[in-house]
Amino acid sequence: MQYKLKRYGGLDIVLIKKHEITELSANVRKIIDGQEIDLRVNNEGPWNILKNDIHILAQLKNEQVAVLQHDRDVLKGTMADISHQLKTPLTSMMIMVDLLEHAPPEKRAEFIQTIKMGLVRTDWLVSALLKMAKVEAGAVSFARGPVHSADLVDLALEPLYIQLEIKNQRITLSGEVEVHCDKRWTAEALTNILKNASEHAPADTEIRIDVGQNPIGTWIAVTDSGAGLSTAQMAKLFRRFEGSQSSTGYGIGLPLARAIMRGQDGDIEVAGGGNGSGATFTLKFFK
């Protein structure tokens, strides 16, 4: 559509009909109310440029609203998960506290130990869920740099010494590479992989860590001495609260590990093993 120009005070004034302004105003109000209105036009002229700019602005607004809604849904889901998962250990500890009051002396030590274990597991669960929420919300800035694989393994094993000692499990490390990653967060991911291996391997067995590199990147593989994984088990390994096959697990460690790896443009590959061979979890760091 062609618009008339009128000279006024040395300026070119575009004459626009009143009903067009009214129509544009109504459409803008619809956009504000959340309706999808396409204002784009192919004709030239300042009025049509204005329409196209308003359309772009509306699209940006809708994208921002979608992002905020997604973040709100993630937070809501995380809070629901925390509430649900904390209910069982807290209820158990409350029962133990009630029993402790009237328990005979020989039972009190047992109840106190059970409460301590519940507190440790609850602390780990809350910490893992909050870390997962930060990673999934994109609130983590991974500081990637060169890290020796031996240093990474040492850091990852620190929280697991007691668990490994109780089950008399041995760790063997084969190979040495330099990994480009965020040391602290990657150690967190590796800790969860090693914790999972320990939980699924019998006592008095070996957990093997192999490291290496190839043309596409570096890798760290953790192999346990358990019974391996079935296809059905592998299908839900990385689903929150579903993948754990251990009575002491929550099903949050492996999803957190994968989220950390993918946040650094890496990934985790799983080989189920079986027939006398344990499962292998491989952390991959691509170039």
Protein backbone atom coordinates (compact mmCIF):
# COMPACT_ATOMS: atom_id res chain seq x y z
CA MET A 1 0.00 0.00 0.00
CA GLN A 2 1.28 3.44 -0.90
CA TYR A 3 1.11 6.21 1.71
CA LYS A 4 0.86 9.89 0.87
CA LEU A 5 3.72 12.18 1.82
CA LYS A 6 3.18 15.76 2.87
CA ARG A 7 5.86 18.39 3.34
CA TYR A 8 5.64 20.17 6.67
CA GLY A 9 8.39 22.41 8.04
CA GLY A 10 10.94 20.83 5.72
CA LEU A 11 10.00 17.28 6.80
CA ASP A 12 8.23 14.50 4.89
CA ILE A 13 5.12 13.49 6.85
CA VAL A 14 3.50 10.09 6.19
CA LEU A 15 -0.29 10.29 6.14
CA ILE A 16 -1.84 7.18 7.71
CA LYS A 17 -5.55 6.50 7.91
CA LYS A 18 -7.11 6.44 11.35
CA HIS A 19 -8.60 2.94 10.98
CA GLU A 20 -5.12 1.50 10.25
CA ILE A 21 -3.77 2.97 13.48
CA THR A 22 -6.80 1.63 15.33
CA GLU A 23 -6.31 -1.82 13.79
CA LEU A 24 -2.60 -1.89 14.68
CA SER A 25 -3.37 -0.77 18.24
CA ALA A 26 -5.96 -3.55 18.63
CA ASN A 27 -3.51 -6.15 17.36
CA VAL A 28 -0.81 -4.95 19.75
CA ARG A 29 -3.25 -5.33 22.63
CA LYS A 30 -4.02 -8.88 21.49
CA ILE A 31 -0.30 -9.65 21.45
CA ILE A 32 0.01 -8.26 25.00
CA ASP A 33 -2.82 -10.60 26.04
CA GLY A 34 -0.86 -13.56 24.66
CA GLN A 35 -2.52 -14.06 21.28
CA GLU A 36 -0.48 -15.00 18.22
CA ILE A 37 -0.87 -12.19 15.68
CA ASP A 38 1.22 -11.95 12.53
CA LEU A 39 1.82 -8.27 11.72
CA ARG A 40 4.39 -8.84 8.98
CA VAL A 41 3.88 -7.25 5.57
CA ASN A 42 5.99 -7.36 2.40
CA ASN A 43 5.33 -3.80 1.23
CA GLU A 44 7.83 -0.99 1.64
CA GLY A 45 7.35 2.22 3.54
CA PRO A 46 7.91 3.44 7.12
CA TRP A 47 4.47 2.30 8.30
CA ASN A 48 5.10 -1.26 7.16
CA ILE A 49 8.61 -1.19 8.63
CA LEU A 50 7.02 -0.23 11.96
CA LYS A 51 4.62 -3.20 11.70
CA ASN A 52 7.48 -5.59 11.02
CA ASP A 53 9.51 -4.21 13.92
CA ILE A 54 6.54 -4.62 16.26
CA HIS A 55 6.17 -8.21 15.05
CA ILE A 56 9.86 -8.92 15.82
CA LEU A 57 9.46 -7.35 19.26
CA ALA A 58 6.39 -9.52 19.91
CA GLN A 59 8.29 -12.67 18.90
CA LEU A 60 11.14 -11.82 21.26
CA LYS A 61 8.64 -11.24 24.04
CA ASN A 62 6.98 -14.61 23.41
CA GLU A 63 10.36 -16.39 23.42
CA GLN A 64 11.29 -14.77 26.73
CA VAL A 65 7.95 -15.78 28.23
CA ALA A 66 8.49 -19.37 27.04
CA VAL A 67 11.96 -19.46 28.63
CA LEU A 68 10.60 -18.11 31.91
CA GLN A 69 7.79 -20.66 31.87
CA HIS A 70 10.28 -23.46 31.25
CA ASP A 71 12.44 -22.28 34.15
CA ARG A 72 9.34 -22.08 36.35
CA ASP A 73 8.35 -25.63 35.40
CA VAL A 74 11.86 -26.91 36.12
CA LEU A 75 11.83 -25.25 39.54
CA LYS A 76 8.36 -26.59 40.28
CA GLY A 77 9.38 -30.10 39.28
CA THR A 78 12.57 -29.92 41.33
CA MET A 79 10.71 -28.76 44.43
CA ALA A 80 8.17 -31.57 43.99
CA ASP A 81 11.02 -34.08 43.62
CA ILE A 82 12.76 -32.81 46.75
CA SER A 83 9.53 -32.96 48.74
CA HIS A 84 8.72 -36.48 47.57
CA GLN A 85 12.20 -37.91 48.04
CA LEU A 86 12.74 -36.36 51.48
CA LYS A 87 9.46 -37.65 52.84
CA THR A 88 10.59 -41.28 53.22
CA PRO A 89 13.91 -40.76 55.08
CA LEU A 90 12.45 -38.00 57.28
CA THR A 91 9.46 -40.18 58.22
CA SER A 92 11.82 -43.05 59.03
CA MET A 93 13.99 -40.84 61.24
CA MET A 94 10.95 -39.44 63.06
CA ILE A 95 9.79 -42.97 63.85
CA MET A 96 13.27 -43.84 65.12
CA VAL A 97 13.31 -40.75 67.35
CA ASP A 98 9.95 -41.77 68.85
CA LEU A 99 11.19 -45.32 69.44
CA LEU A 100 14.46 -44.07 70.90
CA GLU A 101 12.68 -42.42 73.82
CA HIS A 102 11.40 -45.73 75.20
CA ALA A 103 13.93 -48.14 73.69
CA PRO A 104 16.02 -50.43 75.89
CA PRO A 105 19.70 -49.50 76.15
CA GLU A 106 20.82 -52.27 73.79
CA LYS A 107 18.57 -50.88 71.02
CA ARG A 108 19.44 -47.22 71.38
CA ALA A 109 22.84 -47.51 69.70
CA GLU A 110 21.18 -49.24 66.72
CA PHE A 111 18.50 -46.56 66.40
CA ILE A 112 21.06 -43.74 66.69
CA GLN A 113 23.19 -45.33 63.95
CA THR A 114 20.13 -45.64 61.71
CA ILE A 115 19.29 -41.96 62.25
CA LYS A 116 22.89 -40.96 61.44
CA MET A 117 22.77 -42.94 58.20
CA GLY A 118 19.45 -41.31 57.33
CA LEU A 119 20.88 -37.84 57.90
CA VAL A 120 23.90 -38.58 55.70
CA ARG A 121 21.72 -39.90 52.86
CA THR A 122 19.33 -36.96 53.17
CA ASP A 123 22.19 -34.47 53.03
CA TRP A 124 23.55 -36.16 49.88
CA LEU A 125 20.12 -36.21 48.25
CA VAL A 126 19.44 -32.51 48.85
CA SER A 127 22.92 -31.60 47.60
CA ALA A 128 22.52 -33.71 44.45
CA LEU A 129 19.07 -32.33 43.66
CA LEU A 130 20.22 -28.74 44.04
CA LYS A 131 23.23 -29.40 41.80
CA MET A 132 20.95 -31.02 39.22
CA ALA A 133 18.62 -28.01 39.32
CA LYS A 134 21.53 -25.60 38.75
CA VAL A 135 22.89 -27.59 35.81
CA GLU A 136 19.47 -28.07 34.15
CA ALA A 137 18.64 -24.38 34.58
CA GLY A 138 21.87 -23.37 32.85
CA ALA A 139 23.05 -21.61 36.01
CA VAL A 140 26.47 -23.29 35.97
CA SER A 141 29.40 -21.74 34.12
CA PHE A 142 31.82 -24.59 33.45
CA ALA A 143 35.43 -23.41 33.76
CA ARG A 144 37.13 -25.84 31.40
CA GLY A 145 40.88 -26.32 31.41
CA PRO A 146 43.56 -29.03 31.23
CA VAL A 147 43.34 -31.58 34.07
CA HIS A 148 45.44 -34.72 34.57
CA SER A 149 43.21 -37.79 34.71
CA ALA A 150 44.97 -39.09 37.86
CA ASP A 151 44.18 -35.84 39.70
CA LEU A 152 40.57 -36.05 38.55
CA VAL A 153 40.24 -39.64 39.77
CA ASP A 154 41.82 -38.79 43.15
CA LEU A 155 39.34 -35.94 43.66
CA ALA A 156 36.39 -38.11 42.62
CA LEU A 157 37.37 -40.91 45.04
CA GLU A 158 37.62 -38.70 48.15
CA PRO A 159 33.92 -38.96 49.15
CA LEU A 160 33.92 -42.74 48.55
CA TYR A 161 36.81 -44.00 50.69
CA ILE A 162 34.59 -45.19 53.54
CA GLN A 163 32.11 -46.90 51.21
CA LEU A 164 34.93 -48.67 49.36
CA GLU A 165 36.63 -49.68 52.61
CA ILE A 166 33.44 -51.16 54.05
CA LYS A 167 32.98 -53.35 50.96
CA ASN A 168 36.73 -54.00 50.64
CA GLN A 169 36.64 -52.93 46.99
CA ARG A 170 39.83 -52.12 45.12
CA ILE A 171 40.31 -49.36 42.56
CA THR A 172 42.78 -49.84 39.72
CA LEU A 173 43.72 -47.05 37.34
CA SER A 174 45.21 -47.77 33.92
CA GLY A 175 46.56 -45.03 31.66
CA GLU A 176 47.12 -41.29 31.93
CA VAL A 177 45.70 -38.49 29.78
CA GLU A 178 45.09 -34.79 30.02
CA VAL A 179 41.37 -34.02 30.07
CA HIS A 180 39.94 -30.63 29.06
CA CYS A 181 37.12 -30.11 31.53
CA ASP A 182 35.84 -28.32 34.62
CA LYS A 183 37.77 -30.18 37.32
CA ARG A 184 35.32 -29.76 40.21
CA TRP A 185 32.14 -30.52 38.29
CA THR A 186 33.66 -33.38 36.31
CA ALA A 187 34.93 -34.92 39.55
CA GLU A 188 31.34 -34.71 40.80
CA ALA A 189 30.17 -36.63 37.72
CA LEU A 190 32.91 -39.24 38.10
CA THR A 191 32.13 -39.64 41.81
CA ASN A 192 28.55 -40.55 40.95
CA ILE A 193 29.71 -43.06 38.33
CA LEU A 194 32.12 -44.66 40.82
CA LYS A 195 29.49 -44.64 43.56
CA ASN A 196 27.11 -46.46 41.24
CA ALA A 197 29.83 -49.01 40.38
CA SER A 198 30.52 -49.64 44.06
CA GLU A 199 26.85 -50.12 44.90
CA HIS A 200 26.34 -52.66 42.12
CA ALA A 201 29.55 -54.64 42.62
CA PRO A 202 29.96 -57.36 45.27
CA ALA A 203 32.30 -56.94 48.22
CA ASP A 204 35.95 -57.93 47.79
CA THR A 205 35.96 -57.10 44.08
CA GLU A 206 37.75 -54.69 41.76
CA ILE A 207 36.51 -51.52 40.08
CA ARG A 208 38.66 -50.75 37.05
CA ILE A 209 39.26 -47.25 35.68
CA ASP A 210 40.75 -47.02 32.19
CA VAL A 211 41.63 -43.72 30.52
CA GLY A 212 42.72 -42.96 26.99
CA GLN A 213 42.33 -40.80 23.93
CA ASN A 214 41.49 -41.12 20.25
CA PRO A 215 41.15 -38.73 17.29
CA ILE A 216 37.81 -37.33 18.55
CA GLY A 217 38.68 -36.78 22.19
CA THR A 218 39.60 -38.33 25.55
CA TRP A 219 37.70 -40.79 27.73
CA ILE A 220 37.49 -42.25 31.23
CA ALA A 221 35.87 -45.68 31.53
CA VAL A 222 34.66 -47.21 34.82
CA THR A 223 33.98 -50.97 34.86
CA ASP A 224 32.55 -52.77 37.90
CA SER A 225 32.55 -56.47 38.76
CA GLY A 226 28.80 -56.79 39.02
CA ALA A 227 26.29 -58.84 37.03
CA GLY A 228 25.91 -56.24 34.27
CA LEU A 229 22.80 -54.45 33.07
CA SER A 230 19.81 -55.70 31.12
CA THR A 231 18.35 -53.79 28.19
CA ALA A 232 15.38 -52.76 30.37
CA GLN A 233 17.70 -51.42 33.08
CA MET A 234 19.79 -49.48 30.59
CA ALA A 235 16.69 -47.83 29.14
CA LYS A 236 15.96 -45.98 32.38
CA LEU A 237 19.46 -45.45 33.77
CA PHE A 238 19.39 -41.68 33.31
CA ARG A 239 15.79 -41.06 34.36
CA ARG A 240 15.61 -39.34 37.69
CA PHE A 241 14.44 -41.61 40.55
CA GLU A 242 14.00 -44.56 38.19
CA GLY A 243 17.45 -45.83 37.31
CA SER A 244 18.67 -46.97 40.73
CA GLN A 245 18.79 -50.72 41.31
CA SER A 246 20.28 -50.29 44.80
CA SER A 247 18.34 -50.20 48.04
CA THR A 248 20.51 -47.27 49.13
CA GLY A 249 20.27 -45.35 45.86
CA TYR A 250 17.87 -42.62 44.79
CA GLY A 251 18.32 -42.67 41.04
CA ILE A 252 19.74 -39.13 40.89
CA GLY A 253 23.51 -39.68 40.61
CA LEU A 254 23.63 -40.93 37.02
CA PRO A 255 21.26 -38.25 35.62
CA LEU A 256 23.37 -35.60 37.38
CA ALA A 257 26.57 -37.08 35.93
CA ARG A 258 25.20 -37.02 32.40
CA ALA A 259 23.85 -33.48 32.81
CA ILE A 260 27.32 -32.33 33.90
CA MET A 261 29.00 -34.06 30.96
CA ARG A 262 26.54 -32.72 28.40
CA GLY A 263 26.89 -29.26 29.92
CA GLN A 264 30.54 -29.46 28.81
CA ASP A 265 29.67 -30.80 25.33
CA GLY A 266 30.60 -34.32 26.42
CA ASP A 267 28.53 -37.43 27.06
CA ILE A 268 28.34 -40.78 28.88
CA GLU A 269 28.26 -44.08 27.01
CA VAL A 270 27.14 -47.31 28.69
CA ALA A 271 28.01 -50.92 27.87
CA GLY A 272 25.73 -53.29 29.78
CA GLY A 273 28.16 -56.18 30.16
CA GLY A 274 26.65 -59.40 31.55
CA ASN A 275 27.73 -63.04 31.24
CA GLY A 276 30.32 -62.60 33.92
CA SER A 277 31.27 -59.05 32.92
CA GLY A 278 30.25 -55.91 34.79
CA ALA A 279 28.83 -52.73 33.25
CA THR A 280 31.11 -50.03 31.86
CA PHE A 281 30.34 -46.33 32.01
CA THR A 282 32.52 -44.18 29.75
CA LEU A 283 32.82 -40.41 30.21
CA LYS A 284 33.64 -38.89 26.82
CA PHE A 285 35.29 -35.51 26.33
CA PHE A 286 35.15 -34.41 22.70
CA LYS A 287 37.71 -32.12 21.11
